[in-house]
Amino acid sequence: HNHDCNVSEINNEEILYVLEFERISRQRYHFGNFFEDPEQLDYWFKFLKDYREDKQPVDAVVLDKLLYGKAHYKKFINKEHNWLLEKIKLGLLQNGITHSKTKFSSCPHHMGHASGAFYTSPFKNALILSYDGAGDDGFTNTYKADETGIKLINKYPYWLGRIYKSQKDFFTDLKYDKRKGGEESVSGKLMALAGFGKHRHEWDKIIVEYIRTFHELSTRALDEPKFHVEKAVVPGEVKSGMSTESKLAHDWMYNFQYWFTEIVKEIIQKDLNVAKSNNLVLTGGCALNCVANYHIWKDLELKGLYVPPNPNDCGLSLGFAYRYLYSINKHNKRIEYPVSPYFNCRILDSPDLPEGIKSYKSNIIDVAKLINKGKLIGFLIGNSEMGPRALGNRSILCDPSISGVKDVLNKKVKFREWFRPFAPIVRLEDAQEYFVFDIESPYMSFAAEVVDTYKDELKEIVHSDGTARLQTLRRETNPLIWELLAHYKETYGRGVLLNTSFNMKGRPILSRYSDAFQILLETQLDYIYDGDRLYSEH
């Protein structure tokens, strides 16, 4: 219920699928208000019935607490929601997804985040920080995790995800989808603006106090921008409204990002000793803040740091499943690390060629030649990625050493703002040649500094602050893309490619050939590659 609806299925510790509804509905951040529109559930039950390859009924179902009557699994609190739970139970049973003895339970929001992240991490023990806009069990929670389970340490009153998103209220020209769930795109845009700013010490005390006390503005501040702007204790020039083009906006977001990160580091340092571990797991929507993640790793003396591919709400159902498996079922075997990110939606249609498109057999050598000529190639391979970031299977790849590809992508393919950077993808063994970074980043979770000698050559993936949101790739995770990177470096001398998501404007990462062909026909994308064939316009 809410934005980023998803459903997952596991067989013991092994993941069968993690389906984000947006990949099927084409509605970005799919908002499923099942209380107001319960009939939509019938569509999803039928889709799930047809999609599941293992047709055996499941033994347990774990639901968001809102779908379970805002109650613990043994006790109802809000009786009026029982009808929805009964509809869910009946729909799953009628479609053969459950059987008469299937157990139903629920899981708190942040416990779901914490479980999905810890049980896919490489750690036997860790401090977990789960923080986002809000959940039924808090805003910013820390947990101690070890082989005995996951236990709450602290609930902090900091509404960090909400206040970050709420900075949109101070802008006059920030564009985003105003439909329910659409504002989920805002935080990433604001983080990009921060890279253009400078530190202004006269704002330090103001911003720290503003962040620490935001929750006191009441929930009206979340839904009423005018109320937030009126009540927020921020500089008058910020309240008056800022343009994304202005130095004021860049400086404000730089300073806001800086103190956001400092407060998060303070929380982590406080609770590491309580957790009795020097490993850290970050989760919740705020764990997508790759700038904060980078400084947490760089500035704190940690042994290990893990961020899952889907730390935001699109990973909740997997967390619910793992919570049940280890807390209630007492399972003791963990999934092998690193976890593949490719458990999301498979391709939902066939490559029926529309008028104007041709195809021919091809391989990565041909693809590499085209990329070296400056071509933009969309990849549509196997299952899509869990989480919001394209990691090779639903990516557009090109050469970041070719001047102008960033502008072409922004203006003529992605149709997005000029200030938003693009990410690099590199083999894990090559990462330190190009980036000042000493940790694996398989899910594009860290903004690493680019080595000085490559900042000019790779300028199309270098943000204004000298960093890039890095994805490192192991051969076993994605052999095809790894081989492409290896061949490209051996043949053309560059081991880094620019990687951005393969999607239509305003839509999520795609799952259909038909959508890919539409992009090919309507934008300046040059080719599509599906691992076997290249597709292009006549």
Protein backbone atom coordinates (compact mmCIF):
# COMPACT_ATOMS: atom_id res chain seq x y z
CA HIS A 1 0.00 0.00 0.00
CA ASN A 2 1.42 3.39 -1.03
CA HIS A 3 4.18 4.19 -3.53
CA ASP A 4 6.58 1.61 -5.01
CA CYS A 5 4.22 -1.37 -4.63
CA ASN A 6 5.95 -4.73 -4.91
CA VAL A 7 5.63 -8.44 -4.25
CA SER A 8 8.38 -11.01 -3.71
CA GLU A 9 8.62 -14.76 -3.36
CA ILE A 10 11.41 -16.77 -1.78
CA ASN A 11 12.05 -20.52 -1.48
CA ASN A 12 13.99 -20.79 1.75
CA GLU A 13 16.78 -18.22 1.35
CA GLU A 14 16.72 -18.21 -2.47
CA ILE A 15 14.93 -15.35 -4.24
CA LEU A 16 12.46 -16.40 -6.95
CA TYR A 17 11.38 -12.89 -7.97
CA VAL A 18 10.96 -9.35 -6.68
CA LEU A 19 8.25 -7.75 -8.82
CA GLU A 20 7.87 -3.99 -8.72
CA PHE A 21 4.39 -3.12 -9.96
CA GLU A 22 5.70 -0.10 -11.89
CA ARG A 23 7.56 -2.37 -14.32
CA ILE A 24 4.25 -3.96 -15.31
CA SER A 25 1.82 -1.04 -15.09
CA ARG A 26 4.25 1.50 -16.66
CA GLN A 27 3.25 3.86 -13.82
CA ARG A 28 6.47 5.10 -12.23
CA TYR A 29 6.57 4.57 -8.44
CA HIS A 30 3.28 2.69 -8.81
CA PHE A 31 0.94 3.96 -6.11
CA GLY A 32 -1.43 1.23 -4.98
CA ASN A 33 -4.21 2.69 -2.88
CA PHE A 34 -5.98 -0.61 -2.29
CA PHE A 35 -8.39 0.83 0.29
CA GLU A 36 -9.92 3.26 -2.21
CA ASP A 37 -9.62 0.94 -5.22
CA PRO A 38 -9.62 -2.67 -3.99
CA GLU A 39 -10.71 -4.02 -7.38
CA GLN A 40 -7.20 -3.45 -8.78
CA LEU A 41 -6.08 -6.35 -6.60
CA ASP A 42 -7.94 -8.75 -8.90
CA TYR A 43 -5.64 -7.76 -11.77
CA TRP A 44 -2.51 -8.32 -9.69
CA PHE A 45 -3.69 -11.72 -8.40
CA LYS A 46 -4.30 -12.85 -11.99
CA PHE A 47 -0.97 -11.43 -13.17
CA LEU A 48 0.88 -13.20 -10.35
CA LYS A 49 -0.87 -16.48 -11.10
CA ASP A 50 0.32 -16.35 -14.71
CA TYR A 51 3.79 -14.99 -13.92
CA ARG A 52 4.84 -17.55 -11.29
CA GLU A 53 6.92 -20.35 -12.80
CA ASP A 54 6.63 -22.51 -9.67
CA LYS A 55 2.87 -23.03 -9.44
CA GLN A 56 2.99 -24.62 -5.97
CA PRO A 57 0.99 -22.64 -3.38
CA VAL A 58 3.07 -20.76 -0.85
CA ASP A 59 3.19 -21.70 2.83
CA ALA A 60 3.26 -18.15 4.22
CA VAL A 61 2.22 -14.64 3.18
CA VAL A 62 3.62 -11.53 4.87
CA LEU A 63 1.82 -8.23 4.33
CA ASP A 64 2.45 -4.57 4.93
CA LYS A 65 0.85 -3.76 8.29
CA LEU A 66 -1.54 -1.32 6.60
CA LEU A 67 -2.89 -4.18 4.47
CA TYR A 68 -3.15 -6.31 7.58
CA GLY A 69 -5.41 -3.92 9.44
CA LYS A 70 -2.62 -1.82 11.00
CA ALA A 71 -2.00 -4.70 13.38
CA HIS A 72 0.47 -7.29 14.51
CA TYR A 73 -0.20 -10.63 12.86
CA LYS A 74 -1.88 -12.09 15.97
CA LYS A 75 -4.04 -9.13 16.89
CA PHE A 76 -6.24 -6.67 14.98
CA ILE A 77 -6.25 -3.05 16.06
CA ASN A 78 -8.40 -1.46 13.38
CA LYS A 79 -11.39 -3.70 12.64
CA GLU A 80 -12.58 -1.65 9.66
CA HIS A 81 -9.69 -2.93 7.55
CA ASN A 82 -10.54 -6.61 8.05
CA TRP A 83 -12.54 -6.63 4.80
CA LEU A 84 -9.41 -5.83 2.79
CA LEU A 85 -7.42 -8.60 4.43
CA GLU A 86 -10.23 -11.03 3.67
CA LYS A 87 -10.28 -9.91 0.03
CA ILE A 88 -6.53 -10.47 -0.21
CA LYS A 89 -6.80 -13.93 1.35
CA LEU A 90 -9.65 -14.95 -0.94
CA GLY A 91 -7.98 -13.60 -4.09
CA LEU A 92 -4.71 -15.41 -3.42
CA LEU A 93 -6.53 -18.66 -2.66
CA GLN A 94 -8.78 -18.51 -5.74
CA ASN A 95 -5.73 -17.97 -7.98
CA GLY A 96 -3.87 -20.94 -6.54
CA ILE A 97 -1.15 -18.82 -4.93
CA THR A 98 -2.00 -19.97 -1.40
CA HIS A 99 -3.65 -23.08 0.10
CA SER A 100 -6.10 -23.48 2.95
CA LYS A 101 -3.36 -23.73 5.58
CA THR A 102 -1.17 -20.85 4.37
CA LYS A 103 -0.12 -18.68 7.30
CA PHE A 104 -0.67 -14.92 7.13
CA SER A 105 1.29 -12.34 9.09
CA SER A 106 2.55 -8.76 8.85
CA CYS A 107 5.83 -6.93 9.34
CA PRO A 108 6.59 -3.36 10.50
CA HIS A 109 7.97 -1.01 7.86
CA HIS A 110 11.53 -0.39 9.07
CA MET A 111 11.91 -3.96 10.29
CA GLY A 112 11.16 -4.97 6.69
CA HIS A 113 13.86 -2.62 5.40
CA ALA A 114 16.34 -3.88 8.01
CA SER A 115 15.66 -7.56 7.29
CA GLY A 116 15.91 -7.27 3.51
CA ALA A 117 19.20 -5.42 3.80
CA PHE A 118 20.93 -7.47 6.51
CA TYR A 119 20.02 -10.89 5.18
CA THR A 120 21.37 -10.05 1.70
CA SER A 121 24.57 -8.54 3.12
CA PRO A 122 27.89 -10.37 3.55
CA PHE A 123 27.93 -9.69 7.33
CA LYS A 124 27.33 -11.99 10.30
CA ASN A 125 26.83 -8.96 12.52
CA ALA A 126 26.19 -5.28 11.83
CA LEU A 127 24.63 -2.01 12.87
CA ILE A 128 21.63 -1.30 10.64
CA LEU A 129 20.39 2.22 9.96
CA SER A 130 16.96 2.34 8.30
CA TYR A 131 15.78 5.82 7.42
CA ASP A 132 13.26 7.26 4.99
CA GLY A 133 10.14 9.41 4.77
CA ALA A 134 8.24 7.53 7.47
CA GLY A 135 6.91 4.12 8.42
CA ASP A 136 4.43 2.63 10.85
CA ASP A 137 7.30 2.02 13.27
CA GLY A 138 9.32 5.23 13.05
CA PHE A 139 11.33 7.54 10.80
CA THR A 140 14.99 6.85 11.55
CA ASN A 141 15.70 3.55 13.32
CA THR A 142 18.88 1.72 14.27
CA TYR A 143 19.15 -2.02 14.88
CA LYS A 144 21.66 -4.52 16.17
CA ALA A 145 21.88 -7.52 13.85
CA ASP A 146 23.67 -10.82 14.41
CA GLU A 147 23.06 -14.55 14.16
CA THR A 148 20.38 -14.33 16.87
CA GLY A 149 18.27 -11.87 14.89
CA ILE A 150 17.60 -8.16 14.51
CA LYS A 151 16.83 -6.01 17.56
CA LEU A 152 15.89 -2.33 17.77
CA ILE A 153 18.49 -0.01 19.32
CA ASN A 154 17.03 3.47 18.86
CA LYS A 155 14.20 5.37 17.23
CA TYR A 156 15.30 8.90 16.34
CA PRO A 157 12.76 11.70 15.81
CA TYR A 158 14.55 12.95 12.69
CA TRP A 159 12.27 12.93 9.64
CA LEU A 160 15.22 12.82 7.27
CA GLY A 161 13.56 11.44 4.17
CA ARG A 162 10.62 13.83 4.42
CA ILE A 163 12.68 16.94 5.02
CA TYR A 164 14.99 16.16 2.08
CA LYS A 165 12.03 15.74 -0.25
CA SER A 166 10.37 18.86 1.20
CA GLN A 167 13.18 21.08 -0.08
CA LYS A 168 11.21 21.06 -3.34
CA ASP A 169 8.85 23.57 -1.70
CA PHE A 170 11.52 26.29 -1.93
CA PHE A 171 11.92 25.94 -5.72
CA THR A 172 9.98 27.78 -8.40
CA ASP A 173 10.94 25.61 -11.37
CA LEU A 174 11.61 22.08 -10.11
CA LYS A 175 9.64 19.69 -12.32
CA TYR A 176 8.17 16.42 -11.11
CA ASP A 177 5.05 14.31 -11.54
CA LYS A 178 2.33 15.72 -9.26
CA ARG A 179 0.40 12.43 -9.16
CA LYS A 180 0.55 10.30 -6.00
CA GLY A 181 4.02 8.83 -5.72
CA GLY A 182 5.45 11.13 -8.38
CA GLU A 183 7.39 13.22 -5.90
CA GLU A 184 9.65 10.23 -5.21
CA SER A 185 11.88 11.54 -8.03
CA VAL A 186 12.54 14.83 -6.25
CA SER A 187 15.30 13.86 -3.82
CA GLY A 188 17.63 12.61 -6.54
CA LYS A 189 17.26 15.86 -8.47
CA LEU A 190 18.00 17.92 -5.35
CA MET A 191 21.06 15.80 -4.58
CA ALA A 192 22.36 16.50 -8.10
CA LEU A 193 22.00 20.27 -7.53
CA ALA A 194 24.08 20.02 -4.35
CA GLY A 195 27.12 19.13 -6.43
CA PHE A 196 27.24 22.67 -7.83
CA GLY A 197 27.26 24.49 -4.49
CA LYS A 198 29.74 25.77 -1.92
CA HIS A 199 29.80 25.75 1.89
CA ARG A 200 28.29 28.81 3.54
CA HIS A 201 29.11 28.72 7.25
CA GLU A 202 26.55 31.38 8.14
CA TRP A 203 23.86 28.76 7.47
CA ASP A 204 25.34 26.00 9.64
CA LYS A 205 23.33 26.50 12.85
CA ILE A 206 20.15 27.31 10.93
CA ILE A 207 20.23 24.10 8.89
CA VAL A 208 21.15 21.84 11.80
CA GLU A 209 18.25 23.19 13.87
CA TYR A 210 15.89 22.98 10.90
CA ILE A 211 16.74 19.30 10.29
CA ARG A 212 16.55 18.32 13.96
CA THR A 213 13.16 19.96 14.54
CA PHE A 214 11.39 19.35 11.22
CA HIS A 215 9.13 16.70 12.76
CA GLU A 216 7.70 19.38 15.06
CA LEU A 217 6.18 21.25 12.09
CA SER A 218 3.35 18.67 12.16
CA THR A 219 2.23 16.45 9.32
CA ARG A 220 0.74 19.49 7.56
CA ALA A 221 4.26 20.32 6.38
CA LEU A 222 4.28 17.12 4.32
CA ASP A 223 1.23 17.86 2.22
CA GLU A 224 1.00 21.65 2.32
CA PRO A 225 4.05 23.32 0.76
CA LYS A 226 2.82 26.78 1.71
CA PHE A 227 2.57 25.77 5.37
CA HIS A 228 6.07 24.29 5.28
CA VAL A 229 7.57 27.39 3.65
CA GLU A 230 5.77 29.67 6.10
CA LYS A 231 6.80 27.78 9.26
CA ALA A 232 10.29 26.56 8.32
CA VAL A 233 13.09 28.48 10.04
CA VAL A 234 15.31 29.02 7.01
CA PRO A 235 16.86 32.14 5.43
CA GLY A 236 14.35 34.54 3.91
CA GLU A 237 16.06 34.40 0.52
CA VAL A 238 15.45 30.65 0.44
CA LYS A 239 11.80 31.06 1.47
CA SER A 240 11.25 33.57 -1.31
CA GLY A 241 11.70 30.86 -3.93
CA MET A 242 14.75 29.65 -5.84
CA SER A 243 15.49 28.66 -9.42
CA THR A 244 17.42 25.48 -10.15
CA GLU A 245 19.72 27.73 -12.21
CA SER A 246 20.67 29.97 -9.28
CA LYS A 247 23.81 29.94 -7.16
CA LEU A 248 21.57 30.38 -4.12
CA ALA A 249 19.81 27.08 -4.84
CA HIS A 250 23.10 25.27 -5.46
CA ASP A 251 24.62 26.58 -2.23
CA TRP A 252 21.48 25.84 -0.21
CA MET A 253 21.36 22.21 -1.38
CA TYR A 254 25.11 21.77 -0.89
CA ASN A 255 24.84 22.93 2.71
CA PHE A 256 21.65 20.98 3.34
CA GLN A 257 23.27 17.81 1.96
CA TYR A 258 26.39 18.43 4.05
CA TRP A 259 24.51 18.72 7.35
CA PHE A 260 22.13 15.92 6.44
CA THR A 261 25.21 13.70 6.10
CA GLU A 262 26.80 14.97 9.32
CA ILE A 263 23.67 14.18 11.34
CA VAL A 264 23.50 10.69 9.83
CA LYS A 265 27.17 10.10 10.71
CA GLU A 266 26.47 11.25 14.26
CA ILE A 267 23.66 8.68 14.59
CA ILE A 268 25.90 5.90 13.28
CA GLN A 269 28.81 6.75 15.57
CA LYS A 270 26.50 6.83 18.58
CA ASP A 271 25.10 3.34 17.99
CA LEU A 272 28.07 1.39 16.59
CA ASN A 273 29.24 0.51 20.09
CA VAL A 274 25.78 -0.62 21.11
CA ALA A 275 25.61 -2.92 18.09
CA LYS A 276 29.06 -4.31 19.01
CA SER A 277 30.02 -4.39 15.35
CA ASN A 278 32.09 -2.31 12.97
CA ASN A 279 29.98 -3.36 9.99
CA LEU A 280 27.24 -1.02 8.80
CA VAL A 281 24.12 -1.73 6.72
CA LEU A 282 22.22 1.24 5.28
CA THR A 283 18.62 0.91 4.13
CA GLY A 284 15.39 2.83 3.66
CA GLY A 285 14.87 5.37 0.89
CA CYS A 286 17.60 7.66 2.23
CA ALA A 287 20.16 4.92 1.59
CA LEU A 288 19.86 5.91 -2.10
CA ASN A 289 21.75 9.09 -1.16
CA CYS A 290 25.06 8.06 -2.77
CA VAL A 291 26.79 11.28 -1.61
CA ALA A 292 26.03 10.57 2.05
CA ASN A 293 26.99 6.90 1.59
CA TYR A 294 30.38 7.89 0.17
CA HIS A 295 31.19 10.21 3.08
CA ILE A 296 29.98 7.67 5.65
CA TRP A 297 32.48 5.17 4.25
CA LYS A 298 35.24 7.74 3.76
CA ASP A 299 34.93 9.51 7.14
CA LEU A 300 34.03 6.72 9.57
CA GLU A 301 36.36 3.88 10.48
CA LEU A 302 34.16 1.02 9.36
CA LYS A 303 35.16 -2.55 8.61
CA GLY A 304 32.42 -2.98 6.02
CA LEU A 305 29.48 -1.08 4.54
CA TYR A 306 26.58 -2.59 2.58
CA VAL A 307 23.67 -0.97 0.75
CA PRO A 308 21.21 -3.33 -1.01
CA PRO A 309 20.08 -2.72 -4.60
CA ASN A 310 16.55 -1.90 -3.42
CA PRO A 311 16.85 -0.08 -0.07
CA ASN A 312 13.74 2.04 -0.73
CA ASP A 313 10.16 0.80 -0.45
CA CYS A 314 10.42 -1.26 -3.64
CA GLY A 315 12.42 -3.77 -1.57
CA LEU A 316 10.01 -4.03 1.35
CA SER A 317 8.28 -7.25 0.31
CA LEU A 318 11.63 -9.08 0.12
CA GLY A 319 12.43 -7.79 3.59
CA PHE A 320 9.06 -8.99 4.88
CA ALA A 321 9.77 -12.46 3.47
CA TYR A 322 13.23 -12.66 5.04
CA ARG A 323 11.89 -11.39 8.36
CA TYR A 324 9.41 -14.30 8.41
CA LEU A 325 12.02 -16.82 7.25
CA TYR A 326 14.57 -16.01 9.96
CA SER A 327 12.43 -14.70 12.83
CA ILE A 328 9.41 -17.01 12.69
CA ASN A 329 10.63 -20.01 10.66
CA LYS A 330 14.06 -19.91 12.36
CA HIS A 331 15.86 -20.67 9.09
CA ASN A 332 19.65 -20.57 9.48
CA LYS A 333 21.12 -20.51 5.96
CA ARG A 334 21.84 -17.19 4.24
CA ILE A 335 21.70 -16.36 0.53
CA GLU A 336 25.12 -16.32 -1.12
CA TYR A 337 26.79 -12.91 -1.47
CA PRO A 338 26.87 -10.97 -3.71
CA VAL A 339 23.16 -11.14 -4.40
CA SER A 340 22.28 -10.78 -8.05
CA PRO A 341 20.17 -7.65 -8.64
CA TYR A 342 18.40 -9.27 -11.61
CA PHE A 343 15.29 -10.74 -9.97
CA ASN A 344 12.79 -8.15 -11.16
CA CYS A 345 10.37 -8.40 -14.09
CA ARG A 346 11.33 -10.48 -17.11
CA ILE A 347 10.59 -9.24 -20.64
CA LEU A 348 6.81 -9.29 -21.03
CA ASP A 349 6.43 -9.43 -24.84
CA SER A 350 8.09 -10.69 -28.01
CA PRO A 351 10.28 -8.70 -30.42
CA ASP A 352 7.58 -8.18 -33.06
CA LEU A 353 9.17 -5.59 -35.34
CA PRO A 354 7.11 -2.48 -36.04
CA GLU A 355 7.36 -0.68 -39.35
CA GLY A 356 10.65 1.19 -39.61
CA ILE A 357 12.80 -1.16 -37.51
CA LYS A 358 15.16 -3.90 -38.70
CA SER A 359 17.19 -6.48 -36.74
CA TYR A 360 20.17 -8.72 -37.30
CA LYS A 361 22.31 -11.24 -35.38
CA SER A 362 25.10 -9.59 -33.43
CA ASN A 363 27.55 -9.91 -30.54
CA ILE A 364 29.46 -7.74 -28.08
CA ILE A 365 32.29 -7.13 -30.56
CA ASP A 366 29.81 -5.47 -32.91
CA VAL A 367 28.27 -3.59 -29.98
CA ALA A 368 31.68 -2.33 -28.86
CA LYS A 369 32.46 -1.04 -32.37
CA LEU A 370 29.22 0.95 -32.39
CA ILE A 371 29.83 2.39 -28.92
CA ASN A 372 33.32 3.46 -29.99
CA LYS A 373 31.72 5.36 -32.89
CA GLY A 374 29.62 7.34 -30.41
CA LYS A 375 26.41 5.35 -30.71
CA LEU A 376 23.86 5.11 -27.88
CA ILE A 377 22.72 1.53 -27.29
CA GLY A 378 19.80 0.35 -25.13
CA PHE A 379 20.18 -3.07 -23.51
CA LEU A 380 17.13 -5.31 -22.98
CA ILE A 381 18.39 -8.55 -21.48
CA GLY A 382 16.82 -11.14 -19.17
CA ASN A 383 15.24 -9.99 -15.93
CA SER A 384 15.34 -6.34 -14.96
CA GLU A 385 17.06 -4.98 -11.88
CA MET A 386 15.65 -4.86 -8.37
CA GLY A 387 15.55 -1.27 -7.19
CA PRO A 388 15.52 2.05 -9.03
CA ARG A 389 18.90 1.87 -10.78
CA ALA A 390 19.67 0.21 -14.09
CA LEU A 391 22.68 -2.06 -13.71
CA GLY A 392 23.23 -3.44 -17.20
CA ASN A 393 20.14 -5.44 -18.13
CA ARG A 394 17.96 -2.35 -18.72
CA SER A 395 20.66 0.22 -19.42
CA ILE A 396 21.59 2.65 -22.15
CA LEU A 397 25.37 2.45 -22.58
CA CYS A 398 27.77 4.73 -24.44
CA ASP A 399 31.37 6.01 -24.33
CA PRO A 400 31.89 8.81 -21.76
CA SER A 401 35.08 9.96 -23.48
CA ILE A 402 33.11 11.16 -26.52
CA SER A 403 32.25 14.82 -26.05
CA GLY A 404 28.57 15.73 -26.08
CA VAL A 405 26.97 12.35 -25.33
CA LYS A 406 25.67 13.64 -21.98
CA ASP A 407 23.83 16.51 -23.65
CA VAL A 408 22.39 14.26 -26.34
CA LEU A 409 21.13 11.83 -23.69
CA ASN A 410 19.62 14.58 -21.55
CA LYS A 411 18.02 16.60 -24.36
CA LYS A 412 17.15 14.05 -27.03
CA VAL A 413 16.76 10.65 -25.36
CA LYS A 414 15.99 11.07 -21.65
CA PHE A 415 14.44 14.56 -21.91
CA ARG A 416 15.54 15.60 -18.44
CA GLU A 417 17.25 18.49 -16.64
CA TRP A 418 20.74 19.63 -17.61
CA PHE A 419 22.11 19.37 -14.07
CA ARG A 420 21.51 15.63 -13.61
CA PRO A 421 24.69 13.56 -14.02
CA PHE A 422 25.18 10.13 -15.56
CA ALA A 423 26.81 7.14 -13.93
CA PRO A 424 29.84 5.03 -14.88
CA ILE A 425 29.97 1.24 -15.02
CA VAL A 426 33.36 -0.46 -14.63
CA ARG A 427 34.69 -3.94 -13.89
CA LEU A 428 35.46 -4.38 -10.19
CA GLU A 429 39.12 -5.16 -10.96
CA ASP A 430 39.49 -1.91 -12.93
CA ALA A 431 37.67 0.41 -10.50
CA GLN A 432 40.68 1.81 -8.65
CA GLU A 433 42.39 2.73 -11.89
CA TYR A 434 39.67 5.30 -12.56
CA PHE A 435 38.14 6.06 -9.15
CA VAL A 436 39.48 6.98 -5.70
CA PHE A 437 37.51 4.32 -3.91
CA ASP A 438 38.28 1.13 -2.01
CA ILE A 439 34.90 -0.57 -1.60
CA GLU A 440 32.68 -2.58 -3.93
CA SER A 441 29.70 -0.69 -5.37
CA PRO A 442 27.68 -3.32 -7.27
CA TYR A 443 24.37 -1.44 -7.03
CA MET A 444 25.48 2.13 -7.83
CA SER A 445 25.30 3.18 -4.16
CA PHE A 446 28.30 5.51 -3.81
CA ALA A 447 29.44 8.77 -5.40
CA ALA A 448 33.17 8.10 -5.75
CA GLU A 449 35.79 10.68 -6.67
CA VAL A 450 37.18 10.31 -10.19
CA VAL A 451 40.98 10.02 -10.47
CA ASP A 452 42.36 13.42 -11.52
CA THR A 453 44.06 12.13 -14.66
CA TYR A 454 40.73 10.81 -15.96
CA LYS A 455 38.44 13.73 -15.07
CA ASP A 456 38.86 15.33 -18.47
CA GLU A 457 38.84 12.14 -20.53
CA LEU A 458 35.70 10.82 -18.79
CA LYS A 459 34.03 14.22 -18.36
CA GLU A 460 30.62 12.99 -19.55
CA ILE A 461 30.23 10.96 -16.29
CA VAL A 462 32.03 13.41 -13.95
CA HIS A 463 29.69 15.59 -11.89
CA SER A 464 30.58 19.21 -11.12
CA ASP A 465 32.07 18.18 -7.75
CA GLY A 466 34.47 15.69 -9.36
CA THR A 467 32.52 12.56 -8.36
CA ALA A 468 30.53 9.92 -10.19
CA ARG A 469 27.82 7.49 -8.98
CA LEU A 470 29.82 4.33 -9.49
CA GLN A 471 28.74 0.79 -10.39
CA THR A 472 31.39 -1.92 -10.08
CA LEU A 473 30.72 -5.21 -11.84
CA ARG A 474 31.82 -8.75 -11.08
CA ARG A 475 32.03 -11.23 -13.94
CA GLU A 476 29.67 -13.71 -12.27
CA THR A 477 27.01 -11.04 -11.71
CA ASN A 478 26.59 -10.06 -15.37
CA PRO A 479 28.95 -11.98 -17.68
CA LEU A 480 27.77 -10.27 -20.88
CA ILE A 481 28.30 -6.69 -19.70
CA TRP A 482 31.57 -7.68 -17.98
CA GLU A 483 32.83 -9.16 -21.27
CA LEU A 484 31.78 -6.00 -23.09
CA LEU A 485 33.76 -3.85 -20.65
CA ALA A 486 36.78 -6.16 -20.88
CA HIS A 487 36.73 -6.16 -24.69
CA TYR A 488 36.24 -2.39 -24.82
CA LYS A 489 39.24 -1.76 -22.60
CA GLU A 490 41.45 -4.22 -24.49
CA THR A 491 40.43 -2.88 -27.92
CA TYR A 492 39.88 0.83 -27.34
CA GLY A 493 41.85 1.47 -24.15
CA ARG A 494 38.94 2.60 -21.95
CA GLY A 495 37.42 0.37 -19.26
CA VAL A 496 34.53 2.66 -18.30
CA LEU A 497 31.16 3.15 -20.00
CA LEU A 498 28.39 5.62 -19.28
CA ASN A 499 25.32 3.85 -17.88
CA THR A 500 21.80 5.26 -17.58
CA SER A 501 18.39 3.63 -17.25
CA PHE A 502 16.52 2.47 -20.36
CA ASN A 503 13.11 4.06 -19.98
CA MET A 504 10.68 6.48 -21.58
CA LYS A 505 10.21 9.97 -20.18
CA GLY A 506 8.09 9.84 -17.03
CA ARG A 507 7.97 6.03 -17.06
CA PRO A 508 9.88 3.40 -15.07
CA ILE A 509 12.62 1.11 -16.37
CA LEU A 510 11.00 -0.80 -19.22
CA SER A 511 9.97 -4.44 -19.47
CA ARG A 512 8.69 -4.67 -23.05
CA TYR A 513 10.22 -4.73 -26.53
CA SER A 514 7.33 -2.53 -27.68
CA ASP A 515 8.40 0.27 -25.31
CA ALA A 516 12.03 -0.11 -26.38
CA PHE A 517 11.06 0.13 -30.05
CA GLN A 518 9.02 3.25 -29.33
CA ILE A 519 12.07 4.91 -27.78
CA LEU A 520 14.17 3.87 -30.78
CA LEU A 521 11.68 5.46 -33.17
CA GLU A 522 10.92 8.62 -31.21
CA THR A 523 14.31 9.63 -29.79
CA GLN A 524 17.95 9.73 -30.88
CA LEU A 525 18.74 6.34 -29.39
CA ASP A 526 20.72 4.49 -32.07
CA TYR A 527 20.35 0.78 -31.31
CA ILE A 528 18.82 -1.83 -29.03
CA TYR A 529 20.72 -5.00 -28.11
CA ASP A 530 19.08 -8.02 -26.47
CA GLY A 531 22.11 -10.27 -26.11
CA ASP A 532 21.50 -11.90 -29.48
CA ARG A 533 20.30 -9.29 -31.96
CA LEU A 534 20.76 -5.61 -32.70
CA TYR A 535 17.75 -3.49 -33.60
CA SER A 536 17.88 -0.18 -35.45
CA GLU A 537 15.79 2.07 -37.66
CA HIS A 538 15.79 1.36 -41.41
